[in-house]
Amino acid sequence: MTLHPKKNSKFEIGMKNYRRIVSNPQTIEMLILGHLTIPKTYFELSKLLRKGRSTIQSFYIPRLETKVLVKRIEKQNRAWLFQRTDKEFIPL
């Protein structure tokens, strides 16, 4: 099955613009901690790391909170702000 030439060219342009960065969780956690020199929200972290907000919110931040490397400090509008704790990150 082939696509219509116009649709095929749009599809090829879309695929060239698609970029997904796959890395291991420890690398992403180190990057998050590096960006948290000042408090940031889920949305700000997701833009910086080019990851989905829900991935940051449901996977990475809870892992860092469990390890006591990140804490919630206050709400900015309806979004939580996160800050690093003084505990040092030791990757496994």
N, C-alpha and C. Protein backbone atom coordinates (compact mmCIF):
# COMPACT_ATOMS: atom_id res chain seq x y z
N MET A 1 0.85 -1.18 0.00
CA MET A 1 0.00 0.00 0.00
C MET A 1 0.89 1.24 0.00
N THR A 2 0.58 2.17 -0.85
CA THR A 2 1.35 3.41 -0.90
C THR A 2 0.44 4.58 -0.53
N LEU A 3 1.08 5.60 -0.03
CA LEU A 3 0.34 6.81 0.33
C LEU A 3 0.27 7.75 -0.86
N HIS A 4 -0.70 8.62 -0.82
CA HIS A 4 -0.80 9.69 -1.81
C HIS A 4 0.47 10.52 -1.70
N PRO A 5 1.02 11.00 -2.83
CA PRO A 5 2.29 11.74 -2.79
C PRO A 5 2.30 12.92 -1.81
N LYS A 6 1.18 13.65 -1.73
CA LYS A 6 1.13 14.80 -0.82
C LYS A 6 1.17 14.32 0.65
N LYS A 7 0.40 13.27 0.93
CA LYS A 7 0.37 12.72 2.28
C LYS A 7 1.72 12.09 2.63
N ASN A 8 2.35 11.45 1.67
CA ASN A 8 3.65 10.83 1.88
C ASN A 8 4.71 11.88 2.22
N SER A 9 4.69 13.03 1.54
CA SER A 9 5.69 14.07 1.84
C SER A 9 5.47 14.64 3.24
N LYS A 10 4.20 14.84 3.64
CA LYS A 10 3.91 15.32 4.99
C LYS A 10 4.34 14.30 6.04
N PHE A 11 4.12 13.02 5.75
CA PHE A 11 4.52 11.96 6.66
C PHE A 11 6.04 11.95 6.85
N GLU A 12 6.77 12.07 5.76
CA GLU A 12 8.24 12.08 5.83
C GLU A 12 8.76 13.29 6.61
N ILE A 13 8.15 14.45 6.43
CA ILE A 13 8.53 15.65 7.19
C ILE A 13 8.27 15.43 8.67
N GLY A 14 7.12 14.85 8.99
CA GLY A 14 6.78 14.57 10.39
C GLY A 14 7.75 13.59 11.03
N MET A 15 8.16 12.57 10.29
CA MET A 15 9.09 11.58 10.83
C MET A 15 10.49 12.17 11.02
N LYS A 16 10.88 13.10 10.17
CA LYS A 16 12.19 13.74 10.33
C LYS A 16 12.23 14.62 11.57
N ASN A 17 11.07 15.21 11.93
CA ASN A 17 11.00 16.08 13.11
C ASN A 17 10.82 15.31 14.41
N TYR A 18 10.51 14.03 14.33
CA TYR A 18 10.26 13.23 15.52
C TYR A 18 11.58 12.85 16.17
N ARG A 19 11.72 13.20 17.43
CA ARG A 19 12.94 12.87 18.17
C ARG A 19 12.54 12.36 19.55
N ARG A 20 12.98 11.18 19.85
CA ARG A 20 12.72 10.62 21.17
C ARG A 20 14.04 10.21 21.76
N ILE A 21 14.31 10.70 22.95
CA ILE A 21 15.57 10.39 23.61
C ILE A 21 15.30 9.27 24.61
N VAL A 22 16.00 8.17 24.42
CA VAL A 22 15.85 7.04 25.33
C VAL A 22 17.12 6.94 26.16
N SER A 23 16.99 7.01 27.47
CA SER A 23 18.14 6.90 28.36
C SER A 23 17.75 6.08 29.57
N ASN A 24 18.74 5.67 30.31
CA ASN A 24 18.41 4.87 31.48
C ASN A 24 17.94 5.80 32.61
N PRO A 25 17.13 5.28 33.54
CA PRO A 25 16.52 6.13 34.58
C PRO A 25 17.52 6.88 35.46
N GLN A 26 18.67 6.27 35.74
CA GLN A 26 19.66 6.96 36.58
C GLN A 26 20.19 8.21 35.90
N THR A 27 20.35 8.15 34.59
CA THR A 27 20.81 9.33 33.84
C THR A 27 19.79 10.45 33.93
N ILE A 28 18.52 10.12 33.74
CA ILE A 28 17.46 11.12 33.81
C ILE A 28 17.38 11.70 35.22
N GLU A 29 17.52 10.84 36.23
CA GLU A 29 17.48 11.34 37.61
C GLU A 29 18.62 12.31 37.87
N MET A 30 19.80 12.02 37.35
CA MET A 30 20.92 12.94 37.52
C MET A 30 20.65 14.27 36.81
N LEU A 31 20.05 14.21 35.63
CA LEU A 31 19.71 15.43 34.90
C LEU A 31 18.67 16.25 35.66
N ILE A 32 17.68 15.57 36.22
CA ILE A 32 16.65 16.28 37.00
C ILE A 32 17.29 16.98 38.18
N LEU A 33 18.15 16.27 38.89
CA LEU A 33 18.82 16.89 40.04
C LEU A 33 19.70 18.06 39.62
N GLY A 34 20.32 17.96 38.45
CA GLY A 34 21.12 19.06 37.93
C GLY A 34 20.29 20.30 37.62
N HIS A 35 19.06 20.09 37.14
CA HIS A 35 18.18 21.21 36.81
C HIS A 35 17.50 21.81 38.03
N LEU A 36 17.49 21.09 39.13
CA LEU A 36 16.80 21.58 40.32
C LEU A 36 17.68 22.45 41.22
N THR A 37 18.57 23.23 40.61
CA THR A 37 19.34 24.19 41.40
C THR A 37 18.42 25.30 41.91
N ILE A 38 17.38 25.58 41.13
CA ILE A 38 16.29 26.45 41.60
C ILE A 38 15.00 25.63 41.49
N PRO A 39 14.00 25.90 42.32
CA PRO A 39 12.76 25.12 42.28
C PRO A 39 12.08 25.16 40.92
N LYS A 40 11.57 24.00 40.50
CA LYS A 40 10.89 23.89 39.22
C LYS A 40 9.66 23.01 39.35
N THR A 41 8.73 23.16 38.40
CA THR A 41 7.51 22.35 38.36
C THR A 41 7.73 21.15 37.44
N TYR A 42 6.75 20.22 37.44
CA TYR A 42 6.81 19.08 36.52
C TYR A 42 6.93 19.56 35.08
N PHE A 43 6.12 20.55 34.74
CA PHE A 43 6.08 21.05 33.37
C PHE A 43 7.44 21.63 32.94
N GLU A 44 8.05 22.41 33.81
CA GLU A 44 9.36 23.00 33.48
C GLU A 44 10.41 21.92 33.29
N LEU A 45 10.39 20.91 34.15
CA LEU A 45 11.35 19.80 34.02
C LEU A 45 11.11 19.03 32.73
N SER A 46 9.86 18.80 32.40
CA SER A 46 9.57 18.03 31.19
C SER A 46 10.02 18.78 29.94
N LYS A 47 9.89 20.10 29.92
CA LYS A 47 10.37 20.87 28.77
C LYS A 47 11.89 20.81 28.67
N LEU A 48 12.58 20.91 29.80
CA LEU A 48 14.04 20.88 29.79
C LEU A 48 14.59 19.52 29.36
N LEU A 49 13.92 18.46 29.78
CA LEU A 49 14.41 17.11 29.52
C LEU A 49 13.81 16.47 28.28
N ARG A 50 12.85 17.16 27.66
CA ARG A 50 12.15 16.65 26.49
C ARG A 50 11.52 15.29 26.78
N LYS A 51 10.90 15.20 27.94
CA LYS A 51 10.14 14.01 28.35
C LYS A 51 8.71 14.46 28.63
N GLY A 52 7.79 13.54 28.62
CA GLY A 52 6.41 13.87 28.91
C GLY A 52 6.23 14.28 30.36
N ARG A 53 5.32 15.23 30.60
CA ARG A 53 5.06 15.68 31.96
C ARG A 53 4.58 14.53 32.83
N SER A 54 3.73 13.69 32.28
CA SER A 54 3.21 12.58 33.07
C SER A 54 4.31 11.58 33.44
N THR A 55 5.30 11.42 32.58
CA THR A 55 6.43 10.53 32.89
C THR A 55 7.24 11.09 34.05
N ILE A 56 7.49 12.39 34.01
CA ILE A 56 8.23 13.04 35.11
C ILE A 56 7.41 12.93 36.40
N GLN A 57 6.10 13.19 36.29
CA GLN A 57 5.23 13.23 37.46
C GLN A 57 4.99 11.85 38.06
N SER A 58 4.81 10.84 37.24
CA SER A 58 4.44 9.53 37.78
C SER A 58 5.61 8.58 37.98
N PHE A 59 6.75 8.85 37.35
CA PHE A 59 7.86 7.91 37.45
C PHE A 59 9.09 8.50 38.14
N TYR A 60 9.64 9.58 37.58
CA TYR A 60 10.94 10.07 38.07
C TYR A 60 10.87 10.80 39.41
N ILE A 61 9.94 11.75 39.55
CA ILE A 61 9.86 12.51 40.81
C ILE A 61 9.51 11.60 41.99
N PRO A 62 8.53 10.68 41.86
CA PRO A 62 8.27 9.79 43.00
C PRO A 62 9.50 8.94 43.40
N ARG A 63 10.29 8.50 42.42
CA ARG A 63 11.51 7.75 42.74
C ARG A 63 12.49 8.61 43.51
N LEU A 64 12.64 9.87 43.09
CA LEU A 64 13.56 10.77 43.77
C LEU A 64 13.04 11.16 45.15
N GLU A 65 11.72 11.27 45.30
CA GLU A 65 11.15 11.57 46.61
C GLU A 65 11.34 10.39 47.57
N THR A 66 11.21 9.18 47.06
CA THR A 66 11.42 7.99 47.87
C THR A 66 12.86 7.91 48.36
N LYS A 67 13.79 8.31 47.50
CA LYS A 67 15.22 8.32 47.86
C LYS A 67 15.59 9.56 48.69
N VAL A 68 14.63 10.41 48.96
CA VAL A 68 14.79 11.66 49.73
C VAL A 68 15.83 12.57 49.07
N LEU A 69 15.82 12.63 47.74
CA LEU A 69 16.71 13.52 47.01
C LEU A 69 15.99 14.79 46.57
N VAL A 70 14.66 14.74 46.54
CA VAL A 70 13.84 15.86 46.09
C VAL A 70 12.69 16.01 47.08
N LYS A 71 12.28 17.27 47.29
CA LYS A 71 11.11 17.50 48.15
C LYS A 71 10.21 18.56 47.53
N ARG A 72 8.94 18.45 47.85
CA ARG A 72 7.95 19.46 47.42
C ARG A 72 8.07 20.63 48.38
N ILE A 73 8.16 21.83 47.83
CA ILE A 73 8.31 22.97 48.74
C ILE A 73 7.06 23.84 48.83
N GLU A 74 6.40 24.08 47.72
CA GLU A 74 5.19 24.91 47.73
C GLU A 74 4.48 24.76 46.41
N LYS A 75 3.29 25.31 46.35
CA LYS A 75 2.54 25.29 45.10
C LYS A 75 2.64 26.64 44.41
N GLN A 76 2.84 26.60 43.11
CA GLN A 76 2.83 27.81 42.29
C GLN A 76 1.58 27.67 41.42
N ASN A 77 0.58 28.48 41.66
CA ASN A 77 -0.76 28.30 41.11
C ASN A 77 -1.25 26.94 41.56
N ARG A 78 -1.39 25.98 40.64
CA ARG A 78 -1.82 24.63 41.05
C ARG A 78 -0.72 23.60 40.89
N ALA A 79 0.48 24.02 40.57
CA ALA A 79 1.58 23.09 40.31
C ALA A 79 2.58 23.08 41.46
N TRP A 80 3.02 21.90 41.83
CA TRP A 80 4.03 21.78 42.88
C TRP A 80 5.39 22.23 42.39
N LEU A 81 6.13 22.88 43.25
CA LEU A 81 7.53 23.23 42.99
C LEU A 81 8.40 22.21 43.74
N PHE A 82 9.44 21.75 43.07
CA PHE A 82 10.34 20.77 43.66
C PHE A 82 11.72 21.36 43.83
N GLN A 83 12.39 20.91 44.88
CA GLN A 83 13.73 21.40 45.20
C GLN A 83 14.57 20.21 45.63
N ARG A 84 15.87 20.30 45.38
CA ARG A 84 16.79 19.26 45.83
C ARG A 84 16.92 19.29 47.34
N THR A 85 17.19 18.14 47.92
CA THR A 85 17.51 18.09 49.34
C THR A 85 19.04 18.10 49.45
N ASP A 86 19.54 18.04 50.66
CA ASP A 86 20.99 18.06 50.85
C ASP A 86 21.62 16.69 50.69
N LYS A 87 20.81 15.65 50.58
CA LYS A 87 21.32 14.30 50.43
C LYS A 87 22.01 14.14 49.08
N GLU A 88 23.13 13.43 49.07
CA GLU A 88 23.92 13.25 47.85
C GLU A 88 23.40 12.07 47.05
N PHE A 89 23.35 12.22 45.73
CA PHE A 89 22.87 11.17 44.83
C PHE A 89 23.99 10.18 44.57
N ILE A 90 23.72 8.90 44.86
CA ILE A 90 24.70 7.84 44.59
C ILE A 90 24.03 6.84 43.66
N PRO A 91 24.37 6.85 42.36
CA PRO A 91 23.73 5.94 41.41
C PRO A 91 24.10 4.48 41.73
N LEU A 92 23.15 3.59 41.47
CA LEU A 92 23.38 2.16 41.73
C LEU A 92 24.07 1.50 40.58
